[in-house]
């Protein structure tokens, strides 16, 4: 029980903490990867830690259906569908996003797991948030008319309750680093909807763990990423009646590597993905950890990460977004020389 809250326990934790030997040698840092991409079902990813708390809360309220929101290819939606299937619940996703032209990647997996996906056409005269809120109300009403009790989960599972999943992960990781003899390593995580970052920060600060946390922003924030983090923490502090204060300057969040948009195809990110694959045989995704790794490579190159420093990346997303069309077509262009079509009979 964390901060007085119960959770379901369905994960294969602790997830591995692996040293990346070839990259450590090549980049001059002591490089580790926390493998939260290897969580145990739905093809893995960080949202499952959050869902342990969220689904427990849904069950306590007698919910029969989980409804969440995100982009058309939301990883969180895919894992919400997986947990719903595991616990005999219905699931649905509302996405203010046009149809991407094919049912692939997460959309394909959503269907396999029986999840209804509602792709809502954006409206020029209303914000995406307004359109999403109306769509959520309508979808909720439709399912409640059919007798379901709907439990709503926000984007990324990033609310006061979901953050506890990564409070637990911070404690888990501190135990692993201690066992390996790593002293005050620097932990890097992707900062999107901020639930993972905030849970880690809360765990580190509240438990006084010997970890230094840095978040790499992967999308622009209207009021700045630190302002978003401060507001998020204030909600958590109030919700749990915490005495812990975290000053704005304690939120180490870097907005230099968001590449101007969320989940956009970026050459430097693809190159980072290729490097990880060719040195360590590990596949990163192009939206989250791939973008974070690209930022880390630049920080090493420019001296913002010191030579010999011990760093850990939280690999949090899985790989399914590589198979979305807008990422896949760019990779196909760059990787086509690796495909050799040979007709042995024609060469005789």
C-alpha atoms as a PDB file:
ATOM      1  CA  UNK A   1       0.000   0.000   0.000  1.00  0.00           C
ATOM      2  CA  UNK A   2       1.464   3.361  -1.075  1.00  0.00           C
ATOM      3  CA  UNK A   3       0.239   6.616   0.514  1.00  0.00           C
ATOM      4  CA  UNK A   4      -2.706   4.659   1.881  1.00  0.00           C
ATOM      5  CA  UNK A   5      -3.894   3.366  -1.495  1.00  0.00           C
ATOM      6  CA  UNK A   6      -4.350  -0.250  -2.546  1.00  0.00           C
ATOM      7  CA  UNK A   7      -3.558  -1.678  -5.952  1.00  0.00           C
ATOM      8  CA  UNK A   8      -3.923  -4.841  -7.967  1.00  0.00           C
ATOM      9  CA  UNK A   9      -0.711  -6.838  -8.408  1.00  0.00           C
ATOM     10  CA  UNK A  10      -0.569  -8.207 -11.922  1.00  0.00           C
ATOM     11  CA  UNK A  11       2.935  -7.204 -13.081  1.00  0.00           C
ATOM     12  CA  UNK A  12       6.144  -9.199 -13.348  1.00  0.00           C
ATOM     13  CA  UNK A  13       8.093  -6.780 -11.191  1.00  0.00           C
ATOM     14  CA  UNK A  14      10.832  -5.910 -10.608  1.00  0.00           C
ATOM     15  CA  UNK A  15      11.491  -5.295 -14.285  1.00  0.00           C
ATOM     16  CA  UNK A  16      15.143  -5.810 -15.303  1.00  0.00           C
ATOM     17  CA  UNK A  17      17.813  -3.145 -14.939  1.00  0.00           C
ATOM     18  CA  UNK A  18      20.346  -3.970 -17.652  1.00  0.00           C
ATOM     19  CA  UNK A  19      23.776  -2.514 -18.368  1.00  0.00           C
ATOM     20  CA  UNK A  20      24.277  -1.587 -22.013  1.00  0.00           C
ATOM     21  CA  UNK A  21      27.874  -2.669 -22.426  1.00  0.00           C
ATOM     22  CA  UNK A  22      28.543  -1.699 -26.038  1.00  0.00           C
ATOM     23  CA  UNK A  23      26.914   1.712 -25.758  1.00  0.00           C
ATOM     24  CA  UNK A  24      28.686   2.359 -22.453  1.00  0.00           C
ATOM     25  CA  UNK A  25      32.030   1.762 -24.139  1.00  0.00           C
ATOM     26  CA  UNK A  26      31.165   3.754 -27.244  1.00  0.00           C
ATOM     27  CA  UNK A  27      29.593   6.756 -25.496  1.00  0.00           C
ATOM     28  CA  UNK A  28      31.884   6.944 -22.458  1.00  0.00           C
ATOM     29  CA  UNK A  29      29.135   6.695 -19.850  1.00  0.00           C
ATOM     30  CA  UNK A  30      28.031   3.938 -17.492  1.00  0.00           C
ATOM     31  CA  UNK A  31      24.736   3.248 -19.262  1.00  0.00           C
ATOM     32  CA  UNK A  32      21.776   1.242 -17.907  1.00  0.00           C
ATOM     33  CA  UNK A  33      18.273   0.589 -19.205  1.00  0.00           C
ATOM     34  CA  UNK A  34      15.261   0.014 -16.921  1.00  0.00           C
ATOM     35  CA  UNK A  35      13.134  -2.397 -18.944  1.00  0.00           C
ATOM     36  CA  UNK A  36       9.560  -1.312 -18.269  1.00  0.00           C
ATOM     37  CA  UNK A  37       8.894  -2.243 -21.877  1.00  0.00           C
ATOM     38  CA  UNK A  38       8.989  -5.837 -20.606  1.00  0.00           C
ATOM     39  CA  UNK A  39       5.930  -5.616 -18.367  1.00  0.00           C
ATOM     40  CA  UNK A  40       3.898  -8.731 -18.656  1.00  0.00           C
ATOM     41  CA  UNK A  41       0.959  -8.319 -21.053  1.00  0.00           C
ATOM     42  CA  UNK A  42      -0.604  -6.154 -23.735  1.00  0.00           C
ATOM     43  CA  UNK A  43       2.943  -6.071 -25.272  1.00  0.00           C
ATOM     44  CA  UNK A  44       4.240  -4.063 -22.297  1.00  0.00           C
ATOM     45  CA  UNK A  45       4.830  -0.468 -21.304  1.00  0.00           C
ATOM     46  CA  UNK A  46       4.807   1.931 -18.383  1.00  0.00           C
ATOM     47  CA  UNK A  47       1.044   2.476 -18.164  1.00  0.00           C
ATOM     48  CA  UNK A  48       0.516  -0.914 -16.556  1.00  0.00           C
ATOM     49  CA  UNK A  49       2.086   0.290 -13.301  1.00  0.00           C
ATOM     50  CA  UNK A  50      -0.473   3.107 -13.198  1.00  0.00           C
ATOM     51  CA  UNK A  51      -3.314   0.782 -14.102  1.00  0.00           C
ATOM     52  CA  UNK A  52      -2.640  -1.409 -11.061  1.00  0.00           C
ATOM     53  CA  UNK A  53      -3.974   1.473  -8.968  1.00  0.00           C
ATOM     54  CA  UNK A  54      -6.582   2.759 -11.385  1.00  0.00           C
ATOM     55  CA  UNK A  55      -8.283  -0.573 -12.005  1.00  0.00           C
ATOM     56  CA  UNK A  56      -8.338  -1.341  -8.292  1.00  0.00           C
ATOM     57  CA  UNK A  57     -10.164   1.969  -7.819  1.00  0.00           C
ATOM     58  CA  UNK A  58     -12.527   1.111 -10.687  1.00  0.00           C
ATOM     59  CA  UNK A  59     -13.341  -2.237  -9.089  1.00  0.00           C
ATOM     60  CA  UNK A  60     -14.001  -0.593  -5.732  1.00  0.00           C
ATOM     61  CA  UNK A  61     -16.581   1.608  -7.451  1.00  0.00           C
ATOM     62  CA  UNK A  62     -18.281  -1.345  -9.114  1.00  0.00           C
ATOM     63  CA  UNK A  63     -17.246  -0.351 -12.637  1.00  0.00           C
ATOM     64  CA  UNK A  64     -17.769  -2.784 -15.499  1.00  0.00           C
ATOM     65  CA  UNK A  65     -16.071  -0.748 -18.220  1.00  0.00           C
ATOM     66  CA  UNK A  66     -12.880   1.316 -18.586  1.00  0.00           C
ATOM     67  CA  UNK A  67     -13.015   4.393 -20.839  1.00  0.00           C
ATOM     68  CA  UNK A  68      -9.894   6.382 -21.630  1.00  0.00           C
ATOM     69  CA  UNK A  69      -8.633   9.007 -24.070  1.00  0.00           C
ATOM     70  CA  UNK A  70      -5.541   9.701 -26.153  1.00  0.00           C
ATOM     71  CA  UNK A  71      -4.328   9.760 -29.727  1.00  0.00           C
ATOM     72  CA  UNK A  72      -5.451   7.205 -32.282  1.00  0.00           C
ATOM     73  CA  UNK A  73      -2.318   5.158 -31.567  1.00  0.00           C
ATOM     74  CA  UNK A  74      -2.327   5.601 -27.786  1.00  0.00           C
ATOM     75  CA  UNK A  75      -0.123   3.128 -25.911  1.00  0.00           C
ATOM     76  CA  UNK A  76      -2.091   3.819 -22.756  1.00  0.00           C
ATOM     77  CA  UNK A  77      -5.334   2.925 -24.537  1.00  0.00           C
ATOM     78  CA  UNK A  78      -3.864  -0.363 -25.717  1.00  0.00           C
ATOM     79  CA  UNK A  79      -2.800  -1.306 -22.191  1.00  0.00           C
ATOM     80  CA  UNK A  80      -6.127  -0.188 -20.741  1.00  0.00           C
ATOM     81  CA  UNK A  81      -7.757  -2.608 -23.176  1.00  0.00           C
ATOM     82  CA  UNK A  82      -5.385  -5.376 -22.060  1.00  0.00           C
ATOM     83  CA  UNK A  83      -6.146  -4.904 -18.366  1.00  0.00           C
ATOM     84  CA  UNK A  84      -9.875  -4.681 -19.048  1.00  0.00           C
ATOM     85  CA  UNK A  85      -9.747  -7.996 -20.900  1.00  0.00           C
ATOM     86  CA  UNK A  86      -7.811  -9.592 -18.053  1.00  0.00           C
ATOM     87  CA  UNK A  87     -10.373  -8.487 -15.467  1.00  0.00           C
ATOM     88  CA  UNK A  88     -13.556  -9.231 -17.473  1.00  0.00           C
ATOM     89  CA  UNK A  89     -14.369  -5.583 -18.169  1.00  0.00           C
ATOM     90  CA  UNK A  90     -15.297  -3.788 -21.368  1.00  0.00           C
ATOM     91  CA  UNK A  91     -13.051  -1.043 -22.696  1.00  0.00           C
ATOM     92  CA  UNK A  92     -13.238   1.938 -25.019  1.00  0.00           C
ATOM     93  CA  UNK A  93     -10.949   4.701 -26.254  1.00  0.00           C
ATOM     94  CA  UNK A  94     -11.965   8.173 -27.404  1.00  0.00           C
ATOM     95  CA  UNK A  95      -9.431   9.858 -29.696  1.00  0.00           C
ATOM     96  CA  UNK A  96      -9.839  13.293 -31.268  1.00  0.00           C
ATOM     97  CA  UNK A  97      -7.851  12.158 -34.276  1.00  0.00           C
ATOM     98  CA  UNK A  98      -8.637  11.413 -37.912  1.00  0.00           C
ATOM     99  CA  UNK A  99      -8.575   7.859 -39.188  1.00  0.00           C
ATOM    100  CA  UNK A 100      -4.901   7.181 -40.049  1.00  0.00           C
ATOM    101  CA  UNK A 101      -5.744   5.303 -43.226  1.00  0.00           C
ATOM    102  CA  UNK A 102      -5.126   1.804 -41.932  1.00  0.00           C
ATOM    103  CA  UNK A 103      -5.748  -0.379 -38.918  1.00  0.00           C
ATOM    104  CA  UNK A 104      -2.223  -1.080 -37.723  1.00  0.00           C
ATOM    105  CA  UNK A 105      -0.022  -0.963 -34.617  1.00  0.00           C
ATOM    106  CA  UNK A 106      -2.024  -0.101 -31.484  1.00  0.00           C
ATOM    107  CA  UNK A 107      -5.299   0.220 -33.367  1.00  0.00           C
ATOM    108  CA  UNK A 108      -4.922  -3.361 -34.549  1.00  0.00           C
ATOM    109  CA  UNK A 109      -4.096  -4.577 -31.034  1.00  0.00           C
ATOM    110  CA  UNK A 110      -7.055  -2.659 -29.590  1.00  0.00           C
ATOM    111  CA  UNK A 111      -9.381  -4.597 -31.870  1.00  0.00           C
ATOM    112  CA  UNK A 112      -7.731  -7.907 -31.049  1.00  0.00           C
ATOM    113  CA  UNK A 113      -8.450  -7.264 -27.377  1.00  0.00           C
ATOM    114  CA  UNK A 114     -12.074  -6.268 -28.021  1.00  0.00           C
ATOM    115  CA  UNK A 115     -11.697  -2.550 -27.337  1.00  0.00           C
ATOM    116  CA  UNK A 116     -14.032  -0.069 -29.060  1.00  0.00           C
ATOM    117  CA  UNK A 117     -12.119   2.911 -30.491  1.00  0.00           C
ATOM    118  CA  UNK A 118     -13.976   6.129 -31.308  1.00  0.00           C
ATOM    119  CA  UNK A 119     -12.020   8.337 -33.716  1.00  0.00           C
ATOM    120  CA  UNK A 120     -13.516  11.814 -33.423  1.00  0.00           C
ATOM    121  CA  UNK A 121     -13.074  14.306 -36.227  1.00  0.00           C
ATOM    122  CA  UNK A 122     -11.336  17.507 -35.011  1.00  0.00           C
ATOM    123  CA  UNK A 123     -13.399  20.687 -35.298  1.00  0.00           C
ATOM    124  CA  UNK A 124     -11.861  23.972 -36.488  1.00  0.00           C
ATOM    125  CA  UNK A 125     -13.899  26.179 -34.153  1.00  0.00           C
ATOM    126  CA  UNK A 126     -13.449  24.193 -30.942  1.00  0.00           C
ATOM    127  CA  UNK A 127     -10.414  23.027 -29.009  1.00  0.00           C
ATOM    128  CA  UNK A 128      -9.479  19.368 -28.990  1.00  0.00           C
ATOM    129  CA  UNK A 129     -10.227  19.333 -25.256  1.00  0.00           C
ATOM    130  CA  UNK A 130     -13.771  20.573 -25.776  1.00  0.00           C
ATOM    131  CA  UNK A 131     -14.427  18.067 -28.549  1.00  0.00           C
ATOM    132  CA  UNK A 132     -12.948  15.266 -26.441  1.00  0.00           C
ATOM    133  CA  UNK A 133     -15.078  16.141 -23.402  1.00  0.00           C
ATOM    134  CA  UNK A 134     -18.276  16.058 -25.447  1.00  0.00           C
ATOM    135  CA  UNK A 135     -17.307  12.776 -27.094  1.00  0.00           C
ATOM    136  CA  UNK A 136     -16.526  11.205 -23.704  1.00  0.00           C
ATOM    137  CA  UNK A 137     -19.944  12.272 -22.391  1.00  0.00           C
ATOM    138  CA  UNK A 138     -21.715  10.779 -25.398  1.00  0.00           C
ATOM    139  CA  UNK A 139     -19.798   7.497 -25.375  1.00  0.00           C
ATOM    140  CA  UNK A 140     -20.289   7.158 -21.625  1.00  0.00           C
ATOM    141  CA  UNK A 141     -24.041   7.728 -21.995  1.00  0.00           C
ATOM    142  CA  UNK A 142     -24.270   5.175 -24.826  1.00  0.00           C
ATOM    143  CA  UNK A 143     -22.630   2.451 -22.753  1.00  0.00           C
ATOM    144  CA  UNK A 144     -24.485   3.290 -19.571  1.00  0.00           C
ATOM    145  CA  UNK A 145     -27.757   2.946 -21.486  1.00  0.00           C
ATOM    146  CA  UNK A 146     -26.592  -0.610 -22.237  1.00  0.00           C
ATOM    147  CA  UNK A 147     -26.144  -1.275 -18.528  1.00  0.00           C
ATOM    148  CA  UNK A 148     -22.403  -0.682 -18.110  1.00  0.00           C
ATOM    149  CA  UNK A 149     -20.888   1.334 -15.279  1.00  0.00           C
ATOM    150  CA  UNK A 150     -18.115   3.360 -16.879  1.00  0.00           C
ATOM    151  CA  UNK A 151     -14.882   4.335 -15.099  1.00  0.00           C
ATOM    152  CA  UNK A 152     -13.026   7.187 -16.787  1.00  0.00           C
ATOM    153  CA  UNK A 153      -9.211   7.207 -16.945  1.00  0.00           C
ATOM    154  CA  UNK A 154      -7.468  10.400 -18.160  1.00  0.00           C
ATOM    155  CA  UNK A 155      -4.744  10.614 -20.795  1.00  0.00           C
ATOM    156  CA  UNK A 156      -1.854   8.345 -19.935  1.00  0.00           C
ATOM    157  CA  UNK A 157      -3.432   7.380 -16.623  1.00  0.00           C
ATOM    158  CA  UNK A 158      -1.733  10.539 -15.375  1.00  0.00           C
ATOM    159  CA  UNK A 159      -3.689  11.674 -12.363  1.00  0.00           C
ATOM    160  CA  UNK A 160      -3.138  11.616  -8.616  1.00  0.00           C
ATOM    161  CA  UNK A 161      -3.789   7.886  -8.360  1.00  0.00           C
ATOM    162  CA  UNK A 162      -1.930   6.738 -11.466  1.00  0.00           C
ATOM    163  CA  UNK A 163       1.260   8.501 -10.371  1.00  0.00           C
ATOM    164  CA  UNK A 164       1.619   6.023  -7.507  1.00  0.00           C
ATOM    165  CA  UNK A 165       2.661   3.333  -9.987  1.00  0.00           C
ATOM    166  CA  UNK A 166       5.920   5.187 -10.518  1.00  0.00           C
ATOM    167  CA  UNK A 167       6.329   6.040  -6.866  1.00  0.00           C
ATOM    168  CA  UNK A 168       6.595   2.270  -6.467  1.00  0.00           C
ATOM    169  CA  UNK A 169       8.975   2.055  -9.424  1.00  0.00           C
ATOM    170  CA  UNK A 170      11.303   4.631  -7.836  1.00  0.00           C
ATOM    171  CA  UNK A 171      11.532   2.482  -4.698  1.00  0.00           C
ATOM    172  CA  UNK A 172      12.091  -0.630  -6.820  1.00  0.00           C
ATOM    173  CA  UNK A 173      14.816   1.049  -8.852  1.00  0.00           C
ATOM    174  CA  UNK A 174      16.614   2.365  -5.759  1.00  0.00           C
ATOM    175  CA  UNK A 175      16.806  -1.191  -4.433  1.00  0.00           C
ATOM    176  CA  UNK A 176      18.218  -2.412  -7.758  1.00  0.00           C
ATOM    177  CA  UNK A 177      20.860   0.317  -7.977  1.00  0.00           C
ATOM    178  CA  UNK A 178      21.927  -0.376  -4.398  1.00  0.00           C
ATOM    179  CA  UNK A 179      22.329  -4.088  -5.185  1.00  0.00           C
ATOM    180  CA  UNK A 180      24.513  -3.169  -8.182  1.00  0.00           C
ATOM    181  CA  UNK A 181      26.588  -0.694  -6.184  1.00  0.00           C
ATOM    182  CA  UNK A 182      25.544   2.288  -8.310  1.00  0.00           C
ATOM    183  CA  UNK A 183      25.968   5.544  -6.397  1.00  0.00           C
ATOM    184  CA  UNK A 184      23.521   8.395  -7.076  1.00  0.00           C
ATOM    185  CA  UNK A 185      22.806   7.515 -10.712  1.00  0.00           C
ATOM    186  CA  UNK A 186      20.981   9.949 -12.967  1.00  0.00           C
ATOM    187  CA  UNK A 187      17.631   8.591 -14.083  1.00  0.00           C
ATOM    188  CA  UNK A 188      16.149   9.815 -17.366  1.00  0.00           C
ATOM    189  CA  UNK A 189      12.501   9.378 -18.212  1.00  0.00           C
ATOM    190  CA  UNK A 190      10.213  10.589 -20.958  1.00  0.00           C
ATOM    191  CA  UNK A 191       7.932  13.445 -19.913  1.00  0.00           C
ATOM    192  CA  UNK A 192       4.658  13.387 -21.818  1.00  0.00           C
ATOM    193  CA  UNK A 193       1.475  13.474 -19.767  1.00  0.00           C
ATOM    194  CA  UNK A 194       3.865  13.679 -16.766  1.00  0.00           C
ATOM    195  CA  UNK A 195       2.369  10.846 -14.699  1.00  0.00           C
ATOM    196  CA  UNK A 196       5.512   8.710 -14.904  1.00  0.00           C
ATOM    197  CA  UNK A 197       7.839  11.630 -14.198  1.00  0.00           C
ATOM    198  CA  UNK A 198       5.708  12.869 -11.310  1.00  0.00           C
ATOM    199  CA  UNK A 199       5.418   9.459  -9.696  1.00  0.00           C
ATOM    200  CA  UNK A 200       9.177   8.988  -9.852  1.00  0.00           C
ATOM    201  CA  UNK A 201       9.811  12.479  -8.478  1.00  0.00           C
ATOM    202  CA  UNK A 202       7.337  11.990  -5.652  1.00  0.00           C
ATOM    203  CA  UNK A 203       8.858   8.643  -4.704  1.00  0.00           C
ATOM    204  CA  UNK A 204      12.418   9.984  -4.818  1.00  0.00           C
ATOM    205  CA  UNK A 205      11.636  13.056  -2.731  1.00  0.00           C
ATOM    206  CA  UNK A 206       9.238  11.488  -0.237  1.00  0.00           C
ATOM    207  CA  UNK A 207      11.395   8.401   0.354  1.00  0.00           C
ATOM    208  CA  UNK A 208      14.711  10.331   0.143  1.00  0.00           C
ATOM    209  CA  UNK A 209      16.039   7.935  -2.495  1.00  0.00           C
ATOM    210  CA  UNK A 210      19.587   8.318  -3.895  1.00  0.00           C
ATOM    211  CA  UNK A 211      18.434   8.979  -7.466  1.00  0.00           C
ATOM    212  CA  UNK A 212      18.656  12.151  -9.547  1.00  0.00           C
ATOM    213  CA  UNK A 213      15.712  12.475 -11.933  1.00  0.00           C
ATOM    214  CA  UNK A 214      15.683  14.227 -15.315  1.00  0.00           C
ATOM    215  CA  UNK A 215      12.649  14.327 -17.606  1.00  0.00           C
ATOM    216  CA  UNK A 216      12.946  14.790 -21.366  1.00  0.00           C
ATOM    217  CA  UNK A 217       9.852  16.512 -22.735  1.00  0.00           C
ATOM    218  CA  UNK A 218       8.535  14.940 -25.927  1.00  0.00           C
ATOM    219  CA  UNK A 219       5.861  17.504 -26.780  1.00  0.00           C
ATOM    220  CA  UNK A 220       5.372  21.269 -26.360  1.00  0.00           C
ATOM    221  CA  UNK A 221       3.412  22.605 -23.380  1.00  0.00           C
ATOM    222  CA  UNK A 222       1.467  25.838 -23.712  1.00  0.00           C
ATOM    223  CA  UNK A 223       2.627  27.224 -20.350  1.00  0.00           C
ATOM    224  CA  UNK A 224       5.945  25.395 -20.235  1.00  0.00           C
ATOM    225  CA  UNK A 225       6.687  21.919 -18.959  1.00  0.00           C
ATOM    226  CA  UNK A 226       7.856  23.020 -15.501  1.00  0.00           C
ATOM    227  CA  UNK A 227       4.636  24.976 -14.930  1.00  0.00           C
ATOM    228  CA  UNK A 228       2.661  21.863 -15.830  1.00  0.00           C
ATOM    229  CA  UNK A 229       4.705  19.809 -13.367  1.00  0.00           C
ATOM    230  CA  UNK A 230       4.248  22.333 -10.548  1.00  0.00           C
ATOM    231  CA  UNK A 231       0.477  22.374 -11.044  1.00  0.00           C
ATOM    232  CA  UNK A 232       0.356  18.564 -11.194  1.00  0.00           C
ATOM    233  CA  UNK A 233       2.327  18.249  -7.954  1.00  0.00           C
ATOM    234  CA  UNK A 234       0.047  20.693  -6.164  1.00  0.00           C
ATOM    235  CA  UNK A 235      -2.922  18.491  -7.065  1.00  0.00           C
ATOM    236  CA  UNK A 236      -1.102  15.454  -5.688  1.00  0.00           C
ATOM    237  CA  UNK A 237      -0.042  17.286  -2.534  1.00  0.00           C
ATOM    238  CA  UNK A 238      -3.630  18.315  -1.843  1.00  0.00           C
ATOM    239  CA  UNK A 239      -5.081  14.907  -2.722  1.00  0.00           C
ATOM    240  CA  UNK A 240      -2.806  13.020  -0.307  1.00  0.00           C
ATOM    241  CA  UNK A 241      -2.502  15.831   2.307  1.00  0.00           C
ATOM    242  CA  UNK A 242       1.280  15.749   1.955  1.00  0.00           C
ATOM    243  CA  UNK A 243       3.624  18.032   3.860  1.00  0.00           C
ATOM    244  CA  UNK A 244       6.382  17.580   1.273  1.00  0.00           C
ATOM    245  CA  UNK A 245       7.206  20.741  -0.696  1.00  0.00           C
ATOM    246  CA  UNK A 246       8.902  20.523  -4.085  1.00  0.00           C
ATOM    247  CA  UNK A 247      10.151  23.846  -5.435  1.00  0.00           C
ATOM    248  CA  UNK A 248       9.860  24.580  -9.177  1.00  0.00           C
ATOM    249  CA  UNK A 249      13.647  24.465  -9.593  1.00  0.00           C
ATOM    250  CA  UNK A 250      13.653  20.890  -8.296  1.00  0.00           C
ATOM    251  CA  UNK A 251      11.751  19.724 -11.369  1.00  0.00           C
ATOM    252  CA  UNK A 252      14.587  18.900 -13.759  1.00  0.00           C
ATOM    253  CA  UNK A 253      12.655  18.920 -17.009  1.00  0.00           C
ATOM    254  CA  UNK A 254      14.232  19.575 -20.394  1.00  0.00           C
ATOM    255  CA  UNK A 255      12.121  20.938 -23.258  1.00  0.00           C
ATOM    256  CA  UNK A 256      14.915  21.132 -25.853  1.00  0.00           C
ATOM    257  CA  UNK A 257      14.187  17.826 -27.555  1.00  0.00           C
ATOM    258  CA  UNK A 258      10.430  17.786 -28.200  1.00  0.00           C
ATOM    259  CA  UNK A 259      11.161  18.371 -31.927  1.00  0.00           C
ATOM    260  CA  UNK A 260       8.160  20.651 -32.212  1.00  0.00           C
ATOM    261  CA  UNK A 261       5.378  18.122 -31.790  1.00  0.00           C
ATOM    262  CA  UNK A 262       3.985  14.964 -30.263  1.00  0.00           C
ATOM    263  CA  UNK A 263       4.704  11.635 -31.989  1.00  0.00           C
ATOM    264  CA  UNK A 264       6.129  13.330 -35.070  1.00  0.00           C
ATOM    265  CA  UNK A 265       8.599  11.510 -37.345  1.00  0.00           C
ATOM    266  CA  UNK A 266      12.106  12.914 -36.749  1.00  0.00           C
ATOM    267  CA  UNK A 267      15.324  11.820 -38.461  1.00  0.00           C
ATOM    268  CA  UNK A 268      17.499  12.202 -35.338  1.00  0.00           C
ATOM    269  CA  UNK A 269      15.093  10.023 -33.374  1.00  0.00           C
ATOM    270  CA  UNK A 270      15.168   7.305 -36.020  1.00  0.00           C
ATOM    271  CA  UNK A 271      18.975   7.419 -35.994  1.00  0.00           C
ATOM    272  CA  UNK A 272      18.924   6.968 -32.214  1.00  0.00           C
ATOM    273  CA  UNK A 273      16.606   3.977 -32.621  1.00  0.00           C
ATOM    274  CA  UNK A 274      18.956   2.448 -35.210  1.00  0.00           C
ATOM    275  CA  UNK A 275      21.947   2.958 -32.900  1.00  0.00           C
ATOM    276  CA  UNK A 276      20.252   1.190 -29.991  1.00  0.00           C
ATOM    277  CA  UNK A 277      19.139  -1.654 -32.247  1.00  0.00           C
ATOM    278  CA  UNK A 278      22.553  -2.125 -33.876  1.00  0.00           C
ATOM    279  CA  UNK A 279      24.569  -1.942 -30.669  1.00  0.00           C
ATOM    280  CA  UNK A 280      22.314  -3.643 -28.117  1.00  0.00           C
ATOM    281  CA  UNK A 281      19.554  -5.470 -30.041  1.00  0.00           C
ATOM    282  CA  UNK A 282      16.893  -3.450 -28.202  1.00  0.00           C
ATOM    283  CA  UNK A 283      14.081  -1.729 -30.102  1.00  0.00           C
ATOM    284  CA  UNK A 284      12.928   1.699 -28.932  1.00  0.00           C
ATOM    285  CA  UNK A 285       9.743   3.465 -29.988  1.00  0.00           C
ATOM    286  CA  UNK A 286       9.766   6.708 -32.033  1.00  0.00           C
ATOM    287  CA  UNK A 287       7.432   8.725 -29.781  1.00  0.00           C
ATOM    288  CA  UNK A 288       8.723   8.234 -26.249  1.00  0.00           C
ATOM    289  CA  UNK A 289      11.984   6.484 -25.354  1.00  0.00           C
ATOM    290  CA  UNK A 290      13.423   6.902 -28.859  1.00  0.00           C
ATOM    291  CA  UNK A 291      13.010  10.667 -28.599  1.00  0.00           C
ATOM    292  CA  UNK A 292      14.432  10.637 -25.066  1.00  0.00           C
ATOM    293  CA  UNK A 293      17.462   8.614 -26.185  1.00  0.00           C
ATOM    294  CA  UNK A 294      18.063  11.042 -29.043  1.00  0.00           C
ATOM    295  CA  UNK A 295      18.099  13.872 -26.511  1.00  0.00           C
ATOM    296  CA  UNK A 296      20.538  11.985 -24.291  1.00  0.00           C
ATOM    297  CA  UNK A 297      22.881  11.395 -27.220  1.00  0.00           C
ATOM    298  CA  UNK A 298      22.949  15.135 -27.863  1.00  0.00           C
ATOM    299  CA  UNK A 299      23.557  15.832 -24.162  1.00  0.00           C
ATOM    300  CA  UNK A 300      26.532  13.467 -24.197  1.00  0.00           C
ATOM    301  CA  UNK A 301      27.873  15.086 -27.372  1.00  0.00           C
ATOM    302  CA  UNK A 302      27.565  18.609 -25.953  1.00  0.00           C
ATOM    303  CA  UNK A 303      28.940  17.744 -22.506  1.00  0.00           C
ATOM    304  CA  UNK A 304      25.679  18.165 -20.603  1.00  0.00           C
ATOM    305  CA  UNK A 305      26.157  14.563 -19.501  1.00  0.00           C
ATOM    306  CA  UNK A 306      29.671  14.032 -18.125  1.00  0.00           C
ATOM    307  CA  UNK A 307      32.001  11.321 -19.335  1.00  0.00           C
ATOM    308  CA  UNK A 308      31.958   8.434 -16.868  1.00  0.00           C
ATOM    309  CA  UNK A 309      28.593   9.448 -15.420  1.00  0.00           C
ATOM    310  CA  UNK A 310      26.171   6.652 -14.495  1.00  0.00           C
ATOM    311  CA  UNK A 311      22.865   7.135 -16.289  1.00  0.00           C
ATOM    312  CA  UNK A 312      19.694   5.063 -16.458  1.00  0.00           C
ATOM    313  CA  UNK A 313      16.982   5.391 -19.087  1.00  0.00           C
ATOM    314  CA  UNK A 314      13.503   4.208 -18.227  1.00  0.00           C
ATOM    315  CA  UNK A 315      12.344   2.374 -21.349  1.00  0.00           C
ATOM    316  CA  UNK A 316       8.647   2.896 -20.907  1.00  0.00           C
ATOM    317  CA  UNK A 317       6.719   2.508 -24.122  1.00  0.00           C
ATOM    318  CA  UNK A 318       7.165  -0.755 -25.987  1.00  0.00           C
ATOM    319  CA  UNK A 319       7.615  -0.865 -29.760  1.00  0.00           C
ATOM    320  CA  UNK A 320       4.183  -0.861 -31.388  1.00  0.00           C
ATOM    321  CA  UNK A 321       4.337   2.736 -32.647  1.00  0.00           C
ATOM    322  CA  UNK A 322       7.138   1.825 -35.040  1.00  0.00           C
ATOM    323  CA  UNK A 323       4.408   0.102 -37.030  1.00  0.00           C
ATOM    324  CA  UNK A 324       2.273   3.218 -37.485  1.00  0.00           C
ATOM    325  CA  UNK A 325       2.240   4.432 -41.061  1.00  0.00           C
ATOM    326  CA  UNK A 326       3.856   7.864 -40.600  1.00  0.00           C
ATOM    327  CA  UNK A 327       6.856   6.393 -38.780  1.00  0.00           C
ATOM    328  CA  UNK A 328       7.046   3.188 -40.798  1.00  0.00           C
ATOM    329  CA  UNK A 329       7.177   4.821 -44.234  1.00  0.00           C
ATOM    330  CA  UNK A 330      10.181   6.949 -43.255  1.00  0.00           C
ATOM    331  CA  UNK A 331      12.008   3.925 -41.879  1.00  0.00           C
ATOM    332  CA  UNK A 332      11.197   1.918 -44.993  1.00  0.00           C
ATOM    333  CA  UNK A 333      12.964   4.532 -47.137  1.00  0.00           C
ATOM    334  CA  UNK A 334      16.046   4.492 -44.935  1.00  0.00           C
ATOM    335  CA  UNK A 335      16.243   0.724 -44.428  1.00  0.00           C
ATOM    336  CA  UNK A 336      15.383  -0.584 -47.892  1.00  0.00           C
ATOM    337  CA  UNK A 337      19.054  -1.285 -48.672  1.00  0.00           C
ATOM    338  CA  UNK A 338      19.001  -4.012 -46.021  1.00  0.00           C
ATOM    339  CA  UNK A 339      16.469  -6.004 -48.036  1.00  0.00           C
ATOM    340  CA  UNK A 340      17.908  -8.186 -50.801  1.00  0.00           C
ATOM    341  CA  UNK A 341      15.499  -9.941 -53.148  1.00  0.00           C
ATOM    342  CA  UNK A 342      17.302 -12.863 -54.748  1.00  0.00           C
ATOM    343  CA  UNK A 343      16.080 -15.275 -57.403  1.00  0.00           C
ATOM    344  CA  UNK A 344      18.652 -18.080 -57.344  1.00  0.00           C
ATOM    345  CA  UNK A 345      17.250 -19.664 -60.499  1.00  0.00           C
ATOM    346  CA  UNK A 346      17.624 -16.444 -62.522  1.00  0.00           C
ATOM    347  CA  UNK A 347      21.361 -16.352 -61.710  1.00  0.00           C
ATOM    348  CA  UNK A 348      22.097 -19.709 -63.357  1.00  0.00           C
END
